[in-house]
Every structure is written in C-alpha cells, then in structure tokens.
C-alpha cells in the first residue's frame, strides 16, 4: 500500500513539473531532457494534463461560472439599492458630496451590470457548446453499446 502511495506521489510530482516546464515554454523533448525521463512519459503526462485542463474548464463553465455570475449580479443590485437610498436620503447626516459619491457608485454598478449582461451571452454560448459536446459524447457511447 505504501509503495502504491509513493508511486502515485511520484507521478503527481512529475506531472506538476511537466506542467511547470511546459508553462515556461519547453516542448516535449526539452521537458524530457530536463526531467531526465523518456519522451513517452512526457507525452503521457502532457495528454493527461490536457484532458485534466479540459475537464476543469468544463466544470468551471457548467458549475462555477453560473453561480459566480448570479452572486455578482445580486451583489451589484444590493450595492445599487444602497447607493440610491443614500443619494435620495433627506437625512441631515448625508451631505451633497456623499450623495454625489453614491450616484457615482450607482453609475459604476450600472456599467458593471451592463458588462456582465453583454458578456453573459458569451458565457451562455460557452455553456451551450459544452452541453452539445457532452450530448455527442453520450450519444457516441450509446451507439457503441448498441454495436456490441
């Protein structure tokens, strides 16, 4: 059991080094030379890292991005509401300078919301793209099952 754990840790370490060296611009041969490993190991690691990155992006697009988008919009709406409360305040504690700052903040919130809404189209397109790819993959595996 300890030997297996040690081997897994060595592979994880090597893959992290492969990724680090790849990010420095080294190609497969350069990475293999630097780490003193066979090119086939480097090739396997690069394929693994590429697939892992693809899965991470897919997860990010499907799960994290929509949630963060929603949280951001809710937060901006809360700031916007408070800004308007301050700007419209009749309290003697709120001077004109503070009201102008609140209006400026409201303007910034509107700009950020517009950016999110217009860029949201790109996000939705990306999510649709990933969903289509998943459908194709699942249909492909269904076809394989039928052939067998």
Foldseek 3Di string as FASTA:
>chain_A
DVVVVVVVVVLVVLLVQLVVVVVVPDDLVRSCVVVVHDSVSSVVSVVVVVVVVVVVVLCCLPPVVVVVLVVLLVVLVVLLVVLVCLLPDPDPVRDPVNNVVSVVSNVVSVVVVVVSVVCVVVSVVVNVVSVVVVVVVVVVVVVVVVVD
